[in-house]
Amino acid sequence: LQLLIDDFRRQDRVHAGSLIISVFGDAVVPRGGRIWLGSLIRLLEPL
């Protein structure tokens, strides 16, 4: 479990826009399709 997240965190290059689209499709759409920017930042910071 840890290795999957650590591997992602160690990447030198992250396609942030593509990841955000994944988050919108999977987590934001079921909650109405909108999110506060500060909340999005908080959710993605651990990655």
All heavy atoms as atom14 arrays in JSON, in Angstrom:
{
  "sequence": "LQLLIDDFRRQDRVHAGSLIISVFGDAVVPRGGRIWLGSLIRLLEPL",
  "atom14_mask": [
    [1, 1, 1, 1, 1, 1, 1, 1, 0, 0, 0, 0, 0, 0],
    [1, 1, 1, 1, 1, 1, 1, 1, 1, 0, 0, 0, 0, 0],
    [1, 1, 1, 1, 1, 1, 1, 1, 0, 0, 0, 0, 0, 0],
    [1, 1, 1, 1, 1, 1, 1, 1, 0, 0, 0, 0, 0, 0],
    [1, 1, 1, 1, 1, 1, 1, 1, 0, 0, 0, 0, 0, 0],
    [1, 1, 1, 1, 1, 1, 1, 1, 0, 0, 0, 0, 0, 0],
    [1, 1, 1, 1, 1, 1, 1, 1, 0, 0, 0, 0, 0, 0],
    [1, 1, 1, 1, 1, 1, 1, 1, 1, 1, 1, 0, 0, 0],
    [1, 1, 1, 1, 1, 1, 1, 1, 1, 1, 1, 0, 0, 0],
    [1, 1, 1, 1, 1, 1, 1, 1, 1, 1, 1, 0, 0, 0],
    [1, 1, 1, 1, 1, 1, 1, 1, 1, 0, 0, 0, 0, 0],
    [1, 1, 1, 1, 1, 1, 1, 1, 0, 0, 0, 0, 0, 0],
    [1, 1, 1, 1, 1, 1, 1, 1, 1, 1, 1, 0, 0, 0],
    [1, 1, 1, 1, 1, 1, 1, 0, 0, 0, 0, 0, 0, 0],
    [1, 1, 1, 1, 1, 1, 1, 1, 1, 1, 0, 0, 0, 0],
    [1, 1, 1, 1, 1, 0, 0, 0, 0, 0, 0, 0, 0, 0],
    [1, 1, 1, 1, 0, 0, 0, 0, 0, 0, 0, 0, 0, 0],
    [1, 1, 1, 1, 1, 1, 0, 0, 0, 0, 0, 0, 0, 0],
    [1, 1, 1, 1, 1, 1, 1, 1, 0, 0, 0, 0, 0, 0],
    [1, 1, 1, 1, 1, 1, 1, 1, 0, 0, 0, 0, 0, 0],
    [1, 1, 1, 1, 1, 1, 1, 1, 0, 0, 0, 0, 0, 0],
    [1, 1, 1, 1, 1, 1, 0, 0, 0, 0, 0, 0, 0, 0],
    [1, 1, 1, 1, 1, 1, 1, 0, 0, 0, 0, 0, 0, 0],
    [1, 1, 1, 1, 1, 1, 1, 1, 1, 1, 1, 0, 0, 0],
    [1, 1, 1, 1, 0, 0, 0, 0, 0, 0, 0, 0, 0, 0],
    [1, 1, 1, 1, 1, 1, 1, 1, 0, 0, 0, 0, 0, 0],
    [1, 1, 1, 1, 1, 0, 0, 0, 0, 0, 0, 0, 0, 0],
    [1, 1, 1, 1, 1, 1, 1, 0, 0, 0, 0, 0, 0, 0],
    [1, 1, 1, 1, 1, 1, 1, 0, 0, 0, 0, 0, 0, 0],
    [1, 1, 1, 1, 1, 1, 1, 0, 0, 0, 0, 0, 0, 0],
    [1, 1, 1, 1, 1, 1, 1, 1, 1, 1, 1, 0, 0, 0],
    [1, 1, 1, 1, 0, 0, 0, 0, 0, 0, 0, 0, 0, 0],
    [1, 1, 1, 1, 0, 0, 0, 0, 0, 0, 0, 0, 0, 0],
    [1, 1, 1, 1, 1, 1, 1, 1, 1, 1, 1, 0, 0, 0],
    [1, 1, 1, 1, 1, 1, 1, 1, 0, 0, 0, 0, 0, 0],
    [1, 1, 1, 1, 1, 1, 1, 1, 1, 1, 1, 1, 1, 1],
    [1, 1, 1, 1, 1, 1, 1, 1, 0, 0, 0, 0, 0, 0],
    [1, 1, 1, 1, 0, 0, 0, 0, 0, 0, 0, 0, 0, 0],
    [1, 1, 1, 1, 1, 1, 0, 0, 0, 0, 0, 0, 0, 0],
    [1, 1, 1, 1, 1, 1, 1, 1, 0, 0, 0, 0, 0, 0],
    [1, 1, 1, 1, 1, 1, 1, 1, 0, 0, 0, 0, 0, 0],
    [1, 1, 1, 1, 1, 1, 1, 1, 1, 1, 1, 0, 0, 0],
    [1, 1, 1, 1, 1, 1, 1, 1, 0, 0, 0, 0, 0, 0],
    [1, 1, 1, 1, 1, 1, 1, 1, 0, 0, 0, 0, 0, 0],
    [1, 1, 1, 1, 1, 1, 1, 1, 1, 0, 0, 0, 0, 0],
    [1, 1, 1, 1, 1, 1, 1, 0, 0, 0, 0, 0, 0, 0],
    [1, 1, 1, 1, 1, 1, 1, 1, 0, 0, 0, 0, 0, 0]
  ],
  "atom14_positions": [
    [[0.83, -1.2, 0.0], [0.0, 0.0, 0.0], [0.87, 1.24, 0.0], [0.62, 2.21, -0.73], [-0.92, -0.01, 1.22], [-1.7, -1.29, 1.48], [-2.5, -1.17, 2.77], [-2.6, -1.62, 0.32], [0.0, 0.0, 0.0], [0.0, 0.0, 0.0], [0.0, 0.0, 0.0], [0.0, 0.0, 0.0], [0.0, 0.0, 0.0], [0.0, 0.0, 0.0]],
    [[1.89, 1.23, 0.82], [2.77, 2.39, 0.93], [3.57, 2.61, -0.35], [3.77, 3.74, -0.78], [3.72, 2.22, 2.11], [4.67, 3.39, 2.32], [5.42, 3.31, 3.64], [5.08, 2.5, 4.49], [6.4, 4.15, 3.79], [0.0, 0.0, 0.0], [0.0, 0.0, 0.0], [0.0, 0.0, 0.0], [0.0, 0.0, 0.0], [0.0, 0.0, 0.0]],
    [[4.02, 1.51, -0.97], [4.86, 1.65, -2.15], [4.12, 2.33, -3.3], [4.7, 3.12, -4.04], [5.35, 0.27, -2.6], [6.5, -0.32, -1.79], [6.8, -1.74, -2.24], [7.75, 0.56, -1.9], [0.0, 0.0, 0.0], [0.0, 0.0, 0.0], [0.0, 0.0, 0.0], [0.0, 0.0, 0.0], [0.0, 0.0, 0.0], [0.0, 0.0, 0.0]],
    [[2.83, 2.03, -3.47], [2.07, 2.65, -4.55], [2.06, 4.16, -4.42], [2.25, 4.89, -5.4], [0.64, 2.1, -4.55], [0.44, 0.7, -5.09], [-0.95, 0.18, -4.77], [0.68, 0.68, -6.59], [0.0, 0.0, 0.0], [0.0, 0.0, 0.0], [0.0, 0.0, 0.0], [0.0, 0.0, 0.0], [0.0, 0.0, 0.0], [0.0, 0.0, 0.0]],
    [[1.83, 4.65, -3.21], [1.78, 6.09, -2.99], [3.18, 6.7, -3.03], [3.39, 7.75, -3.64], [1.08, 6.41, -1.66], [-0.36, 5.9, -1.71], [1.09, 7.91, -1.37], [-1.11, 6.02, -0.41], [0.0, 0.0, 0.0], [0.0, 0.0, 0.0], [0.0, 0.0, 0.0], [0.0, 0.0, 0.0], [0.0, 0.0, 0.0], [0.0, 0.0, 0.0]],
    [[4.14, 6.01, -2.42], [5.51, 6.52, -2.43], [6.06, 6.62, -3.84], [6.76, 7.57, -4.19], [6.42, 5.62, -1.58], [6.27, 5.88, -0.1], [5.56, 6.85, 0.26], [6.85, 5.13, 0.7], [0.0, 0.0, 0.0], [0.0, 0.0, 0.0], [0.0, 0.0, 0.0], [0.0, 0.0, 0.0], [0.0, 0.0, 0.0], [0.0, 0.0, 0.0]],
    [[5.76, 5.63, -4.68], [6.24, 5.66, -6.06], [5.71, 6.88, -6.79], [6.42, 7.53, -7.56], [5.82, 4.38, -6.8], [6.64, 3.18, -6.4], [7.68, 3.36, -5.73], [6.24, 2.05, -6.75], [0.0, 0.0, 0.0], [0.0, 0.0, 0.0], [0.0, 0.0, 0.0], [0.0, 0.0, 0.0], [0.0, 0.0, 0.0], [0.0, 0.0, 0.0]],
    [[4.45, 7.19, -6.56], [3.87, 8.37, -7.21], [4.51, 9.65, -6.67], [4.84, 10.56, -7.43], [2.36, 8.42, -7.0], [1.7, 9.55, -7.74], [1.28, 9.4, -9.04], [1.52, 10.79, -7.13], [0.69, 10.43, -9.74], [0.92, 11.84, -7.81], [0.51, 11.66, -9.13], [0.0, 0.0, 0.0], [0.0, 0.0, 0.0], [0.0, 0.0, 0.0]],
    [[4.7, 9.73, -5.37], [5.25, 10.93, -4.74], [6.69, 11.19, -5.17], [7.15, 12.34, -5.14], [5.18, 10.79, -3.22], [3.8, 10.98, -2.64], [3.59, 10.26, -1.32], [4.58, 10.51, -0.31], [4.42, 11.33, 0.74], [3.3, 12.0, 0.87], [5.36, 11.46, 1.63], [0.0, 0.0, 0.0], [0.0, 0.0, 0.0], [0.0, 0.0, 0.0]],
    [[7.41, 10.14, -5.58], [8.8, 10.3, -5.97], [8.97, 10.71, -7.42], [10.1, 10.97, -7.87], [9.56, 8.99, -5.72], [9.94, 8.76, -4.26], [10.96, 7.64, -4.14], [10.39, 6.37, -4.53], [9.89, 5.49, -3.66], [9.9, 5.76, -2.37], [9.4, 4.34, -4.08], [0.0, 0.0, 0.0], [0.0, 0.0, 0.0], [0.0, 0.0, 0.0]],
    [[7.91, 10.76, -8.19], [8.04, 11.14, -9.6], [8.58, 12.56, -9.74], [8.18, 13.46, -9.02], [6.68, 11.07, -10.3], [6.12, 9.67, -10.45], [4.81, 9.71, -11.19], [4.78, 9.94, -12.4], [3.72, 9.49, -10.48], [0.0, 0.0, 0.0], [0.0, 0.0, 0.0], [0.0, 0.0, 0.0], [0.0, 0.0, 0.0], [0.0, 0.0, 0.0]],
    [[9.48, 12.73, -10.7], [9.99, 14.07, -10.99], [8.97, 14.91, -11.76], [8.97, 16.12, -11.69], [11.29, 13.99, -11.79], [12.46, 13.52, -10.94], [12.41, 13.69, -9.71], [13.41, 12.96, -11.52], [0.0, 0.0, 0.0], [0.0, 0.0, 0.0], [0.0, 0.0, 0.0], [0.0, 0.0, 0.0], [0.0, 0.0, 0.0], [0.0, 0.0, 0.0]],
    [[8.14, 14.23, -12.52], [7.17, 14.94, -13.35], [5.78, 14.39, -13.08], [5.57, 13.18, -13.13], [7.51, 14.79, -14.83], [6.55, 15.56, -15.74], [6.99, 15.47, -17.18], [6.13, 16.26, -18.05], [6.3, 16.36, -19.36], [7.29, 15.73, -19.94], [5.48, 17.09, -20.08], [0.0, 0.0, 0.0], [0.0, 0.0, 0.0], [0.0, 0.0, 0.0]],
    [[4.85, 15.27, -12.79], [3.47, 14.88, -12.53], [2.56, 15.61, -13.51], [2.62, 16.84, -13.6], [3.06, 15.22, -11.08], [1.59, 14.92, -10.87], [3.91, 14.43, -10.09], [0.0, 0.0, 0.0], [0.0, 0.0, 0.0], [0.0, 0.0, 0.0], [0.0, 0.0, 0.0], [0.0, 0.0, 0.0], [0.0, 0.0, 0.0], [0.0, 0.0, 0.0]],
    [[1.74, 14.88, -14.23], [0.74, 15.5, -15.11], [-0.46, 15.88, -14.23], [-1.46, 15.15, -14.15], [0.34, 14.55, -16.23], [1.43, 14.32, -17.23], [1.79, 15.27, -18.16], [2.26, 13.27, -17.43], [2.77, 14.81, -18.91], [3.08, 13.6, -18.48], [0.0, 0.0, 0.0], [0.0, 0.0, 0.0], [0.0, 0.0, 0.0], [0.0, 0.0, 0.0]],
    [[-0.33, 17.02, -13.6], [-1.31, 17.41, -12.58], [-2.71, 17.57, -13.16], [-3.7, 17.21, -12.51], [-0.86, 18.7, -11.89], [0.0, 0.0, 0.0], [0.0, 0.0, 0.0], [0.0, 0.0, 0.0], [0.0, 0.0, 0.0], [0.0, 0.0, 0.0], [0.0, 0.0, 0.0], [0.0, 0.0, 0.0], [0.0, 0.0, 0.0], [0.0, 0.0, 0.0]],
    [[-2.81, 18.13, -14.35], [-4.14, 18.32, -14.94], [-4.86, 17.02, -15.17], [-6.06, 16.89, -14.9], [0.0, 0.0, 0.0], [0.0, 0.0, 0.0], [0.0, 0.0, 0.0], [0.0, 0.0, 0.0], [0.0, 0.0, 0.0], [0.0, 0.0, 0.0], [0.0, 0.0, 0.0], [0.0, 0.0, 0.0], [0.0, 0.0, 0.0], [0.0, 0.0, 0.0]],
    [[-4.15, 16.01, -15.67], [-4.75, 14.71, -15.89], [-5.2, 14.09, -14.58], [-6.28, 13.49, -14.49], [-3.74, 13.79, -16.6], [-4.3, 12.53, -16.83], [0.0, 0.0, 0.0], [0.0, 0.0, 0.0], [0.0, 0.0, 0.0], [0.0, 0.0, 0.0], [0.0, 0.0, 0.0], [0.0, 0.0, 0.0], [0.0, 0.0, 0.0], [0.0, 0.0, 0.0]],
    [[-4.38, 14.22, -13.53], [-4.76, 13.68, -12.22], [-5.99, 14.39, -11.67], [-6.89, 13.75, -11.09], [-3.6, 13.81, -11.25], [-3.81, 13.17, -9.87], [-3.86, 11.66, -9.98], [-2.73, 13.61, -8.89], [0.0, 0.0, 0.0], [0.0, 0.0, 0.0], [0.0, 0.0, 0.0], [0.0, 0.0, 0.0], [0.0, 0.0, 0.0], [0.0, 0.0, 0.0]],
    [[-6.07, 15.7, -11.84], [-7.22, 16.46, -11.36], [-8.49, 16.03, -12.09], [-9.56, 15.92, -11.48], [-6.96, 17.98, -11.5], [-5.91, 18.42, -10.47], [-8.25, 18.78, -11.33], [-5.38, 19.82, -10.68], [0.0, 0.0, 0.0], [0.0, 0.0, 0.0], [0.0, 0.0, 0.0], [0.0, 0.0, 0.0], [0.0, 0.0, 0.0], [0.0, 0.0, 0.0]],
    [[-8.39, 15.77, -13.38], [-9.55, 15.28, -14.12], [-10.0, 13.93, -13.56], [-11.2, 13.65, -13.41], [-9.24, 15.17, -15.62], [-9.12, 16.57, -16.23], [-10.31, 14.37, -16.35], [-10.39, 17.38, -16.17], [0.0, 0.0, 0.0], [0.0, 0.0, 0.0], [0.0, 0.0, 0.0], [0.0, 0.0, 0.0], [0.0, 0.0, 0.0], [0.0, 0.0, 0.0]],
    [[-9.05, 13.07, -13.19], [-9.4, 11.8, -12.57], [-10.14, 12.02, -11.25], [-11.13, 11.34, -10.95], [-8.15, 10.95, -12.32], [-7.54, 10.56, -13.53], [0.0, 0.0, 0.0], [0.0, 0.0, 0.0], [0.0, 0.0, 0.0], [0.0, 0.0, 0.0], [0.0, 0.0, 0.0], [0.0, 0.0, 0.0], [0.0, 0.0, 0.0], [0.0, 0.0, 0.0]],
    [[-9.67, 12.97, -10.45], [-10.31, 13.26, -9.16], [-11.71, 13.81, -9.38], [-12.66, 13.44, -8.68], [-9.44, 14.24, -8.34], [-10.19, 14.71, -7.1], [-8.13, 13.58, -7.94], [0.0, 0.0, 0.0], [0.0, 0.0, 0.0], [0.0, 0.0, 0.0], [0.0, 0.0, 0.0], [0.0, 0.0, 0.0], [0.0, 0.0, 0.0], [0.0, 0.0, 0.0]],
    [[-11.87, 14.71, -10.35], [-13.2, 15.25, -10.63], [-14.15, 14.12, -11.05], [-15.27, 14.02, -10.54], [-13.13, 16.32, -11.73], [-13.14, 17.72, -11.19], [-11.96, 18.31, -10.75], [-14.31, 18.45, -11.1], [-11.95, 19.6, -10.25], [-14.32, 19.74, -10.59], [-13.14, 20.32, -10.16], [0.0, 0.0, 0.0], [0.0, 0.0, 0.0], [0.0, 0.0, 0.0]],
    [[-13.71, 13.27, -11.98], [-14.6, 12.22, -12.45], [-14.97, 11.23, -11.37], [-16.11, 10.76, -11.31], [0.0, 0.0, 0.0], [0.0, 0.0, 0.0], [0.0, 0.0, 0.0], [0.0, 0.0, 0.0], [0.0, 0.0, 0.0], [0.0, 0.0, 0.0], [0.0, 0.0, 0.0], [0.0, 0.0, 0.0], [0.0, 0.0, 0.0], [0.0, 0.0, 0.0]],
    [[-14.02, 10.89, -10.49], [-14.28, 9.86, -9.51], [-14.87, 10.38, -8.21], [-15.77, 9.76, -7.65], [-12.97, 9.11, -9.2], [-13.2, 7.94, -8.26], [-13.93, 7.01, -8.66], [-12.68, 7.97, -7.14], [0.0, 0.0, 0.0], [0.0, 0.0, 0.0], [0.0, 0.0, 0.0], [0.0, 0.0, 0.0], [0.0, 0.0, 0.0], [0.0, 0.0, 0.0]],
    [[-14.37, 11.51, -7.71], [-14.76, 11.97, -6.36], [-15.61, 13.21, -6.34], [-16.44, 13.39, -5.44], [-13.5, 12.2, -5.52], [0.0, 0.0, 0.0], [0.0, 0.0, 0.0], [0.0, 0.0, 0.0], [0.0, 0.0, 0.0], [0.0, 0.0, 0.0], [0.0, 0.0, 0.0], [0.0, 0.0, 0.0], [0.0, 0.0, 0.0], [0.0, 0.0, 0.0]],
    [[-15.43, 14.11, -7.31], [-16.14, 15.39, -7.28], [-17.53, 15.26, -7.9], [-18.51, 15.78, -7.37], [-15.32, 16.49, -7.97], [-16.09, 17.82, -7.96], [-13.97, 16.67, -7.26], [0.0, 0.0, 0.0], [0.0, 0.0, 0.0], [0.0, 0.0, 0.0], [0.0, 0.0, 0.0], [0.0, 0.0, 0.0], [0.0, 0.0, 0.0], [0.0, 0.0, 0.0]],
    [[-17.63, 14.55, -9.01], [-18.93, 14.4, -9.68], [-19.99, 13.82, -8.76], [-21.12, 14.32, -8.71], [-18.78, 13.57, -10.97], [-20.14, 13.1, -11.49], [-18.08, 14.39, -12.05], [0.0, 0.0, 0.0], [0.0, 0.0, 0.0], [0.0, 0.0, 0.0], [0.0, 0.0, 0.0], [0.0, 0.0, 0.0], [0.0, 0.0, 0.0], [0.0, 0.0, 0.0]],
    [[-19.7, 12.76, -7.97], [-20.74, 12.24, -7.08], [-21.19, 13.23, -6.0], [-22.24, 13.02, -5.39], [-20.06, 11.02, -6.43], [-19.0, 10.62, -7.39], [-18.5, 11.91, -7.96], [0.0, 0.0, 0.0], [0.0, 0.0, 0.0], [0.0, 0.0, 0.0], [0.0, 0.0, 0.0], [0.0, 0.0, 0.0], [0.0, 0.0, 0.0], [0.0, 0.0, 0.0]],
    [[-20.43, 14.31, -5.78], [-20.8, 15.32, -4.78], [-21.23, 16.63, -5.44], [-21.1, 17.69, -4.85], [-19.63, 15.55, -3.82], [-19.36, 14.31, -2.95], [-18.15, 14.44, -2.06], [-17.95, 13.22, -1.28], [-18.24, 13.09, 0.02], [-18.72, 14.14, 0.7], [-18.05, 11.95, 0.63], [0.0, 0.0, 0.0], [0.0, 0.0, 0.0], [0.0, 0.0, 0.0]],
    [[-21.73, 16.54, -6.65], [-22.31, 17.71, -7.29], [-21.48, 18.31, -8.39], [-21.93, 19.24, -9.07], [0.0, 0.0, 0.0], [0.0, 0.0, 0.0], [0.0, 0.0, 0.0], [0.0, 0.0, 0.0], [0.0, 0.0, 0.0], [0.0, 0.0, 0.0], [0.0, 0.0, 0.0], [0.0, 0.0, 0.0], [0.0, 0.0, 0.0], [0.0, 0.0, 0.0]],
    [[-20.25, 17.83, -8.6], [-19.44, 18.3, -9.72], [-18.7, 19.59, -9.49], [-18.17, 20.17, -10.44], [0.0, 0.0, 0.0], [0.0, 0.0, 0.0], [0.0, 0.0, 0.0], [0.0, 0.0, 0.0], [0.0, 0.0, 0.0], [0.0, 0.0, 0.0], [0.0, 0.0, 0.0], [0.0, 0.0, 0.0], [0.0, 0.0, 0.0], [0.0, 0.0, 0.0]],
    [[-18.62, 20.07, -8.24], [-17.88, 21.31, -7.95], [-17.18, 21.17, -6.61], [-17.62, 20.42, -5.73], [-18.78, 22.54, -7.96], [-19.88, 22.53, -6.91], [-20.89, 23.64, -7.18], [-20.32, 24.97, -7.03], [-20.87, 26.07, -7.55], [-21.99, 25.99, -8.25], [-20.31, 27.25, -7.38], [0.0, 0.0, 0.0], [0.0, 0.0, 0.0], [0.0, 0.0, 0.0]],
    [[-16.07, 21.93, -6.45], [-15.28, 21.84, -5.23], [-14.53, 23.15, -5.03], [-14.15, 23.83, -5.99], [-14.28, 20.65, -5.31], [-13.57, 20.43, -3.97], [-13.27, 20.85, -6.43], [-12.72, 19.15, -3.94], [0.0, 0.0, 0.0], [0.0, 0.0, 0.0], [0.0, 0.0, 0.0], [0.0, 0.0, 0.0], [0.0, 0.0, 0.0], [0.0, 0.0, 0.0]],
    [[-14.36, 23.53, -3.77], [-13.55, 24.71, -3.43], [-12.09, 24.41, -3.74], [-11.58, 23.33, -3.46], [-13.73, 25.04, -1.95], [-12.79, 26.08, -1.42], [-12.44, 27.25, -2.0], [-12.07, 26.03, -0.18], [-11.55, 27.94, -1.21], [-11.3, 27.21, -0.09], [-12.01, 25.08, 0.86], [-10.48, 27.48, 1.0], [-11.21, 25.35, 1.95], [-10.45, 26.54, 2.01]],
    [[-11.4, 25.37, -4.35], [-10.02, 25.16, -4.74], [-9.15, 24.78, -3.54], [-8.29, 23.9, -3.65], [-9.46, 26.43, -5.41], [-8.0, 26.36, -5.86], [-7.78, 25.22, -6.85], [-7.56, 27.69, -6.46], [0.0, 0.0, 0.0], [0.0, 0.0, 0.0], [0.0, 0.0, 0.0], [0.0, 0.0, 0.0], [0.0, 0.0, 0.0], [0.0, 0.0, 0.0]],
    [[-9.38, 25.43, -2.4], [-8.59, 25.1, -1.21], [-8.77, 23.65, -0.78], [-7.83, 23.0, -0.31], [0.0, 0.0, 0.0], [0.0, 0.0, 0.0], [0.0, 0.0, 0.0], [0.0, 0.0, 0.0], [0.0, 0.0, 0.0], [0.0, 0.0, 0.0], [0.0, 0.0, 0.0], [0.0, 0.0, 0.0], [0.0, 0.0, 0.0], [0.0, 0.0, 0.0]],
    [[-9.97, 23.12, -0.94], [-10.23, 21.73, -0.61], [-9.52, 20.79, -1.57], [-8.95, 19.77, -1.16], [-11.74, 21.47, -0.63], [-12.05, 20.17, -0.2], [0.0, 0.0, 0.0], [0.0, 0.0, 0.0], [0.0, 0.0, 0.0], [0.0, 0.0, 0.0], [0.0, 0.0, 0.0], [0.0, 0.0, 0.0], [0.0, 0.0, 0.0], [0.0, 0.0, 0.0]],
    [[-9.52, 21.13, -2.85], [-8.82, 20.33, -3.84], [-7.32, 20.3, -3.54], [-6.68, 19.24, -3.62], [-9.07, 20.88, -5.24], [-8.45, 20.11, -6.4], [-9.03, 18.7, -6.5], [-8.66, 20.87, -7.72], [0.0, 0.0, 0.0], [0.0, 0.0, 0.0], [0.0, 0.0, 0.0], [0.0, 0.0, 0.0], [0.0, 0.0, 0.0], [0.0, 0.0, 0.0]],
    [[-6.77, 21.45, -3.19], [-5.35, 21.52, -2.83], [-5.06, 20.62, -1.64], [-4.07, 19.87, -1.62], [-4.95, 22.97, -2.56], [-4.99, 23.8, -3.86], [-3.56, 23.05, -1.91], [-4.88, 25.3, -3.64], [0.0, 0.0, 0.0], [0.0, 0.0, 0.0], [0.0, 0.0, 0.0], [0.0, 0.0, 0.0], [0.0, 0.0, 0.0], [0.0, 0.0, 0.0]],
    [[-5.92, 20.66, -0.63], [-5.72, 19.85, 0.57], [-5.78, 18.36, 0.24], [-4.98, 17.56, 0.77], [-6.81, 20.2, 1.61], [-7.0, 19.19, 2.73], [-5.79, 19.09, 3.64], [-5.96, 18.05, 4.64], [-5.66, 16.77, 4.46], [-5.15, 16.36, 3.3], [-5.84, 15.89, 5.44], [0.0, 0.0, 0.0], [0.0, 0.0, 0.0], [0.0, 0.0, 0.0]],
    [[-6.67, 17.95, -0.63], [-6.8, 16.55, -0.97], [-5.59, 16.01, -1.73], [-5.21, 14.84, -1.58], [-8.07, 16.32, -1.8], [-9.4, 16.44, -1.06], [-10.55, 16.47, -2.05], [-9.57, 15.29, -0.06], [0.0, 0.0, 0.0], [0.0, 0.0, 0.0], [0.0, 0.0, 0.0], [0.0, 0.0, 0.0], [0.0, 0.0, 0.0], [0.0, 0.0, 0.0]],
    [[-4.98, 16.86, -2.56], [-3.89, 16.4, -3.42], [-2.5, 16.59, -2.81], [-1.54, 15.98, -3.28], [-3.96, 17.12, -4.77], [-5.18, 16.79, -5.64], [-5.17, 17.6, -6.91], [-5.23, 15.3, -5.95], [0.0, 0.0, 0.0], [0.0, 0.0, 0.0], [0.0, 0.0, 0.0], [0.0, 0.0, 0.0], [0.0, 0.0, 0.0], [0.0, 0.0, 0.0]],
    [[-2.39, 17.42, -1.79], [-1.08, 17.7, -1.19], [-0.35, 16.45, -0.73], [0.87, 16.34, -0.94], [-1.25, 18.7, -0.03], [0.06, 19.18, 0.57], [0.6, 18.25, 1.64], [-0.2, 17.49, 2.24], [1.84, 18.28, 1.88], [0.0, 0.0, 0.0], [0.0, 0.0, 0.0], [0.0, 0.0, 0.0], [0.0, 0.0, 0.0], [0.0, 0.0, 0.0]],
    [[-1.01, 15.43, -0.15], [-0.28, 14.24, 0.27], [0.34, 13.45, -0.88], [1.2, 12.6, -0.64], [-1.36, 13.4, 0.98], [-2.38, 14.39, 1.43], [-2.41, 15.41, 0.33], [0.0, 0.0, 0.0], [0.0, 0.0, 0.0], [0.0, 0.0, 0.0], [0.0, 0.0, 0.0], [0.0, 0.0, 0.0], [0.0, 0.0, 0.0], [0.0, 0.0, 0.0]],
    [[-0.08, 13.71, -2.11], [0.53, 13.06, -3.26], [1.7, 13.86, -3.8], [2.28, 13.5, -4.84], [-0.51, 12.85, -4.37], [-1.57, 11.78, -4.08], [-2.61, 11.75, -5.19], [-0.93, 10.41, -3.91], [0.0, 0.0, 0.0], [0.0, 0.0, 0.0], [0.0, 0.0, 0.0], [0.0, 0.0, 0.0], [0.0, 0.0, 0.0], [0.0, 0.0, 0.0]]
  ]
}
